[in-house]
Every structure is written in C-alpha cells, then in structure tokens.
Amino acid sequence: MDELILTIVENFKELSYLGIMLALTIEFVPAEIVLPLAGYWVYQGDMTLFGTVLAGTVGGTFGPLTLYALGRFGGRPFILKYGKYFFINEEKLSKADEFFEKNGGMVAFTARFLPGVRTLISIPCGMAKMNVWIFSIYTFLAMLPITFIYVFLGLKLGDRWKDVGELANTYILPIGIGVLVLFVLYKLIIKFRGNKASVK
C-alpha cells in the first residue's frame, strides 16, 4: 500500500508546490509519507524549504476540511456506512468522538499532535458544527510546526528520508504533550476565573 501511495505522491511532484498541496488534500495519503519526501525534494534542490512548508501547511489544512464536511453534512450514520472507503472504522471514530467530548473545539488544534486521533478528529468537529473558520485556523496553526518538522527532517536526512517517521515522533509527541498541558492549564484558569466571578 505504501508503495502505491509513494507512486501517487511522486507523480504529484510534476506540479511542484501545488502537487504537495493536492497530495495532502487527499486524506488517505499520509502526511508522514508526503512531507518527508517533499523534504527530500528540498534536499535535491528542486524546491525551497519555505515554499514546501507553506504548501504542506495549506494542503494539511484543506485535507481535514474534507473529513469535517463529511461529519457536518453526512453525520455519524453516513460515516459508519461509507467510512471504510476512507479507512475509517467505528472504533477509530469513537476514539475521536470521546476526545472531542472531553476537550471541546480546541481539539482541532491539540489533536493534530497525537497519533491515532489527529486525522479523524475532523469528523466530530464537523458533526458538532464547529465554526469552519475557527476549525481552519486551529488546523493551520497546528499543521505549521508539524509540517516544518517533517520537511526539515526529510531535508536533513536526504536519501534516508524514509527514516523520518520514527524520528519525527520524538519531536512531535513532546510538543503535543506540552500543548495539552498548556491547554489544561488554560481551561483551569478560565474555570477558576468563572468561579471567582460567580462568588462576587
């Protein structure tokens, strides 16, 4: 399967930065393959780091919007019926639902750093009819550092760009944990201020 995806992505190279954007807009094409390979293209001198990161971030924002739309306009029954065509099953969807219920709309940002829910979290955001602009801004802000890490590591590893996946997790997971800690602190501060205001 990875070889098929790799062939598809390599064909997108002919479209340069637009190709990167389009490849990432197709949600079943993993960013973990596209972005390190794009970093390798930077290493080869075919593209610039800035242009590649920008194209990857924009594509990484458009891609989740397709799943957001499925959730918003199709609803859960539609997802469960046709999700198999997007590599979505009920277990994965339930995980994303649970994460959304616990954390609210901010998950459009925080969940991007967490394996297992980073892609499917777009569906419950859509089902909850989260404001599409807020969803897009959160997604863009999360995808920017993630895209940079994958592309930069692909650039640095050069011919060994396929090794980026495991290495990237050593950077992305700590960032994700840090983001979650800050998010929890933010919620606690808001709750504390709310309680304080109600006492007055």
Protein backbone atom coordinates (compact mmCIF):
# COMPACT_ATOMS: atom_id res chain seq x y z
CA MET A 1 0.00 0.00 0.00
CA ASP A 2 2.83 2.39 0.91
CA GLU A 3 4.45 1.77 -2.48
CA LEU A 4 1.21 2.68 -4.27
CA ILE A 5 0.87 5.87 -2.22
CA LEU A 6 4.51 6.69 -2.88
CA THR A 7 3.96 6.32 -6.63
CA ILE A 8 0.93 8.64 -6.45
CA VAL A 9 2.87 11.26 -4.49
CA GLU A 10 5.87 11.14 -6.81
CA ASN A 11 3.54 11.85 -9.74
CA PHE A 12 2.34 14.97 -7.93
CA LYS A 13 5.93 16.27 -7.95
CA GLU A 14 5.44 17.45 -11.53
CA LEU A 15 3.01 20.04 -10.17
CA SER A 16 5.65 21.34 -7.72
CA TYR A 17 4.16 23.10 -4.65
CA LEU A 18 0.63 22.70 -5.96
CA GLY A 19 1.28 18.96 -6.15
CA ILE A 20 2.22 18.87 -2.46
CA MET A 21 -0.97 20.73 -1.58
CA LEU A 22 -3.12 18.40 -3.68
CA ALA A 23 -1.48 15.25 -2.31
CA LEU A 24 -2.20 16.35 1.27
CA THR A 25 -5.77 17.30 0.38
CA ILE A 26 -6.39 13.59 -0.31
CA GLU A 27 -6.85 12.39 3.27
CA PHE A 28 -5.92 8.75 2.68
CA VAL A 29 -2.45 9.88 1.53
CA PRO A 30 -0.47 10.08 4.82
CA ALA A 31 1.38 13.31 5.54
CA GLU A 32 4.03 11.09 7.16
CA ILE A 33 4.98 9.99 3.63
CA VAL A 34 4.33 13.18 1.66
CA LEU A 35 6.18 15.65 3.88
CA PRO A 36 9.48 13.78 4.39
CA LEU A 37 9.56 13.06 0.66
CA ALA A 38 8.95 16.77 0.00
CA GLY A 39 11.85 17.47 2.36
CA TYR A 40 13.97 15.18 0.21
CA TRP A 41 12.97 17.22 -2.86
CA VAL A 42 14.23 20.30 -0.99
CA TYR A 43 17.46 18.40 -0.30
CA GLN A 44 17.75 17.73 -4.04
CA GLY A 45 17.33 21.45 -4.76
CA ASP A 46 14.01 21.09 -6.59
CA MET A 47 12.08 23.21 -4.09
CA THR A 48 12.69 25.68 -1.27
CA LEU A 49 12.15 24.95 2.42
CA PHE A 50 9.82 27.92 2.88
CA GLY A 51 7.68 27.13 -0.16
CA THR A 52 7.43 23.45 0.75
CA VAL A 53 6.44 24.12 4.36
CA LEU A 54 3.83 26.67 3.25
CA ALA A 55 2.38 24.32 0.61
CA GLY A 56 2.37 21.44 3.09
CA THR A 57 0.63 23.50 5.75
CA VAL A 58 -2.06 24.74 3.36
CA GLY A 59 -2.62 21.22 2.00
CA GLY A 60 -2.64 19.88 5.55
CA THR A 61 -5.43 22.34 6.32
CA PHE A 62 -7.53 21.58 3.23
CA GLY A 63 -7.32 17.81 3.79
CA PRO A 64 -9.05 17.81 7.21
CA LEU A 65 -11.75 20.06 5.77
CA THR A 66 -12.93 17.14 3.62
CA LEU A 67 -13.49 15.00 6.73
CA TYR A 68 -15.00 17.99 8.52
CA ALA A 69 -17.52 18.30 5.65
CA LEU A 70 -18.31 14.58 5.85
CA GLY A 71 -19.06 14.94 9.54
CA ARG A 72 -21.07 18.13 9.17
CA PHE A 73 -23.20 17.19 6.18
CA GLY A 74 -23.18 13.39 6.36
CA GLY A 75 -23.41 12.78 10.09
CA ARG A 76 -22.44 9.68 12.02
CA PRO A 77 -24.69 7.19 10.12
CA PHE A 78 -23.12 8.26 6.82
CA ILE A 79 -19.59 7.96 8.25
CA LEU A 80 -20.24 4.48 9.66
CA LYS A 81 -21.77 3.33 6.37
CA TYR A 82 -19.18 4.73 3.97
CA GLY A 83 -16.20 5.31 6.27
CA LYS A 84 -14.48 2.12 5.11
CA TYR A 85 -13.73 3.86 1.82
CA PHE A 86 -11.76 6.46 3.79
CA PHE A 87 -10.09 3.85 6.08
CA ILE A 88 -12.41 4.86 8.94
CA ASN A 89 -13.98 2.30 11.28
CA GLU A 90 -16.31 2.65 14.28
CA GLU A 91 -13.52 2.12 16.84
CA LYS A 92 -11.40 4.94 15.44
CA LEU A 93 -14.41 7.23 15.16
CA SER A 94 -15.43 6.51 18.77
CA LYS A 95 -11.93 7.45 19.96
CA ALA A 96 -12.15 10.74 18.12
CA ASP A 97 -15.68 11.36 19.48
CA GLU A 98 -14.53 10.71 23.04
CA PHE A 99 -11.54 13.03 22.68
CA PHE A 100 -13.77 15.77 21.28
CA GLU A 101 -16.31 15.38 24.10
CA LYS A 102 -13.57 15.77 26.72
CA ASN A 103 -11.76 18.71 25.17
CA GLY A 104 -14.20 20.69 23.04
CA GLY A 105 -13.41 22.72 19.93
CA MET A 106 -9.75 23.27 20.82
CA VAL A 107 -9.12 19.66 19.74
CA ALA A 108 -8.93 20.94 16.16
CA PHE A 109 -5.51 22.19 17.33
CA THR A 110 -4.36 19.87 20.10
CA ALA A 111 -5.36 16.54 18.49
CA ARG A 112 -3.10 17.18 15.48
CA PHE A 113 -0.12 16.34 17.68
CA LEU A 114 -1.50 12.98 18.82
CA PRO A 115 -1.22 9.74 16.80
CA GLY A 116 -4.47 7.82 16.45
CA VAL A 117 -6.84 10.79 16.58
CA ARG A 118 -5.04 13.51 14.60
CA THR A 119 -6.83 12.74 11.33
CA LEU A 120 -10.28 11.59 12.45
CA ILE A 121 -10.81 14.41 14.95
CA SER A 122 -12.06 16.49 12.00
CA ILE A 123 -15.23 14.36 11.81
CA PRO A 124 -16.65 15.10 15.30
CA CYS A 125 -15.69 18.77 14.77
CA GLY A 126 -17.91 18.70 11.69
CA MET A 127 -20.72 16.80 13.42
CA ALA A 128 -20.69 19.38 16.22
CA LYS A 129 -21.00 22.08 13.52
CA MET A 130 -17.92 23.86 14.82
CA ASN A 131 -17.35 27.19 13.06
CA VAL A 132 -15.46 26.30 9.89
CA TRP A 133 -13.18 29.35 10.09
CA ILE A 134 -12.14 28.60 13.66
CA PHE A 135 -11.61 24.96 12.70
CA SER A 136 -9.43 26.00 9.76
CA ILE A 137 -7.36 28.46 11.83
CA TYR A 138 -6.73 25.89 14.59
CA THR A 139 -5.79 23.28 11.99
CA PHE A 140 -3.44 25.65 10.15
CA LEU A 141 -1.68 26.70 13.37
CA ALA A 142 -1.16 23.07 14.36
CA MET A 143 -0.05 21.92 10.92
CA LEU A 144 2.60 24.63 10.58
CA PRO A 145 5.07 23.25 13.17
CA ILE A 146 4.22 19.63 12.30
CA THR A 147 4.85 20.27 8.61
CA PHE A 148 8.11 22.05 9.36
CA ILE A 149 9.39 19.14 11.47
CA TYR A 150 8.65 16.52 8.81
CA VAL A 151 10.00 18.59 5.90
CA PHE A 152 13.10 19.73 7.81
CA LEU A 153 13.95 16.18 8.87
CA GLY A 154 13.43 14.98 5.29
CA LEU A 155 15.86 17.70 4.19
CA LYS A 156 18.44 16.77 6.80
CA LEU A 157 18.25 13.01 6.27
CA GLY A 158 18.36 13.32 2.47
CA ASP A 159 18.49 9.86 0.89
CA ARG A 160 17.33 8.38 4.23
CA TRP A 161 14.09 10.40 4.22
CA LYS A 162 12.04 7.21 4.81
CA ASP A 163 13.50 7.08 8.35
CA VAL A 164 11.83 10.37 9.26
CA GLY A 165 8.63 8.79 10.65
CA GLU A 166 10.04 7.39 13.91
CA LEU A 167 12.40 10.32 14.39
CA ALA A 168 9.62 12.87 13.93
CA ASN A 169 7.59 11.31 16.75
CA THR A 170 10.39 12.10 19.19
CA TYR A 171 9.75 15.78 18.44
CA ILE A 172 6.01 15.85 17.75
CA LEU A 173 4.88 13.86 20.80
CA PRO A 174 6.67 16.13 23.33
CA ILE A 175 5.24 19.17 21.55
CA GLY A 176 1.81 17.56 21.70
CA ILE A 177 2.16 16.83 25.41
CA GLY A 178 3.30 20.39 26.03
CA VAL A 179 0.33 21.75 24.09
CA LEU A 180 -2.08 19.55 26.07
CA VAL A 181 -0.57 20.69 29.38
CA LEU A 182 -0.95 24.33 28.35
CA PHE A 183 -4.50 23.64 27.20
CA VAL A 184 -5.42 22.03 30.53
CA LEU A 185 -3.88 24.97 32.42
CA TYR A 186 -5.86 27.35 30.21
CA LYS A 187 -9.12 25.54 30.99
CA LEU A 188 -8.33 25.55 34.72
CA ILE A 189 -7.60 29.29 34.68
CA ILE A 190 -10.86 30.01 32.84
CA LYS A 191 -12.77 27.81 35.29
CA PHE A 192 -11.10 29.50 38.27
CA ARG A 193 -11.93 32.95 36.94
CA GLY A 194 -15.52 31.88 36.30
CA ASN A 195 -15.90 30.56 39.86
CA LYS A 196 -14.32 33.74 41.24
CA ALA A 197 -16.72 35.92 39.24
CA SER A 198 -19.75 33.92 40.40
CA VAL A 199 -18.72 34.35 44.06
CA LYS A 200 -18.67 38.12 43.61
